[in-house]
Amino acid sequence: MLFSTPGLHGAYRRADLLEAFGRRRLRDAIRCGRFRPLWTGTLVDGCRFLDVHTRAAAALLAIGPDAILCGPTAAILHGCTAIASADT
């Protein structure tokens, strides 16, 4: 499914996908797992749901440009290898 909606590491604003796909196609894409809801107003590529970059990007899309990522997420994004996963 190709589209020209700007995404960020597999994260998208729901409103952008709604405009690109239309209500019915987007609902079907969510239903089949192509996109999964994550944070308020965001959807992520179903294959990248657990990817830390995708989840961080979705958080930034949900909160806005003034958001700050911190804790394990920030450590992983900066290359810290001492943290096994963002789930810890």
Protein backbone atom coordinates (compact mmCIF):
# COMPACT_ATOMS: atom_id res chain seq x y z
CA MET A 1 0.00 0.00 0.00
CA LEU A 2 1.87 3.08 -1.22
CA PHE A 3 0.88 6.58 -0.24
CA SER A 4 2.45 9.98 0.05
CA THR A 5 1.44 10.74 3.63
CA PRO A 6 4.38 12.08 5.61
CA GLY A 7 5.27 9.67 8.38
CA LEU A 8 8.01 9.60 10.94
CA HIS A 9 9.77 6.21 11.35
CA GLY A 10 6.48 4.42 10.63
CA ALA A 11 4.37 6.69 12.85
CA TYR A 12 1.57 8.81 11.40
CA ARG A 13 -0.98 11.33 12.53
CA ARG A 14 -4.41 9.70 12.26
CA ALA A 15 -5.76 12.82 10.55
CA ASP A 16 -3.13 12.56 7.78
CA LEU A 17 -3.94 8.90 7.12
CA LEU A 18 -7.66 9.63 7.17
CA GLU A 19 -7.16 12.29 4.52
CA ALA A 20 -4.93 10.02 2.40
CA PHE A 21 -7.04 6.83 2.65
CA GLY A 22 -10.55 7.89 3.51
CA ARG A 23 -12.53 6.59 6.47
CA ARG A 24 -13.38 3.15 5.07
CA ARG A 25 -9.91 2.23 3.76
CA LEU A 26 -8.27 3.44 6.97
CA ARG A 27 -10.71 1.46 9.11
CA ASP A 28 -9.96 -1.65 7.02
CA ALA A 29 -6.19 -1.05 7.30
CA ILE A 30 -6.51 -0.83 11.09
CA ARG A 31 -8.75 -3.88 11.23
CA CYS A 32 -6.26 -6.03 9.28
CA GLY A 33 -3.29 -4.77 11.35
CA ARG A 34 -1.57 -2.65 8.69
CA PHE A 35 -1.79 0.25 11.16
CA ARG A 36 -2.17 0.09 14.91
CA PRO A 37 -3.27 2.89 17.23
CA LEU A 38 -0.65 3.90 19.77
CA TRP A 39 -0.92 7.35 21.34
CA THR A 40 -3.85 9.74 21.03
CA GLY A 41 -4.27 10.76 17.40
CA THR A 42 -1.46 8.52 16.13
CA LEU A 43 -1.24 5.27 14.21
CA VAL A 44 1.88 3.24 13.57
CA ASP A 45 2.85 0.70 10.94
CA GLY A 46 1.75 -2.63 12.38
CA CYS A 47 5.12 -4.24 11.57
CA ARG A 48 6.97 -1.54 13.52
CA PHE A 49 4.70 -1.38 16.59
CA LEU A 50 7.45 -2.36 19.06
CA ASP A 51 10.26 -0.42 17.38
CA VAL A 52 11.60 2.23 19.79
CA HIS A 53 12.11 4.78 17.01
CA THR A 54 8.52 4.32 15.80
CA ARG A 55 7.06 4.60 19.31
CA ALA A 56 9.16 7.69 20.09
CA ALA A 57 8.11 9.29 16.80
CA ALA A 58 4.46 8.58 17.59
CA ALA A 59 4.87 10.21 21.00
CA LEU A 60 6.37 13.30 19.38
CA LEU A 61 3.52 13.44 16.86
CA ALA A 62 0.97 13.14 19.66
CA ILE A 63 2.52 15.72 21.99
CA GLY A 64 3.98 18.18 19.51
CA PRO A 65 7.33 19.72 18.69
CA ASP A 66 7.98 20.84 22.27
CA ALA A 67 7.92 17.26 23.59
CA ILE A 68 10.95 15.81 25.31
CA LEU A 69 11.89 12.14 25.26
CA CYS A 70 13.58 10.93 28.44
CA GLY A 71 14.47 7.86 30.48
CA PRO A 72 15.12 4.52 28.77
CA THR A 73 13.73 5.79 25.46
CA ALA A 74 16.22 8.65 25.31
CA ALA A 75 19.06 6.36 26.38
CA ILE A 76 18.30 3.87 23.62
CA LEU A 77 17.90 6.60 21.00
CA HIS A 78 21.34 7.92 21.98
CA GLY A 79 22.89 4.49 21.53
CA CYS A 80 23.14 3.31 25.12
CA THR A 81 23.70 -0.44 25.00
CA ALA A 82 23.42 -0.98 28.75
CA ILE A 83 19.62 -1.03 28.48
CA ALA A 84 18.35 -4.28 26.97
CA SER A 85 15.00 -2.89 25.72
CA ALA A 86 12.61 0.02 26.13
CA ASP A 87 10.32 -2.29 28.12
CA THR A 88 12.67 -2.43 31.12
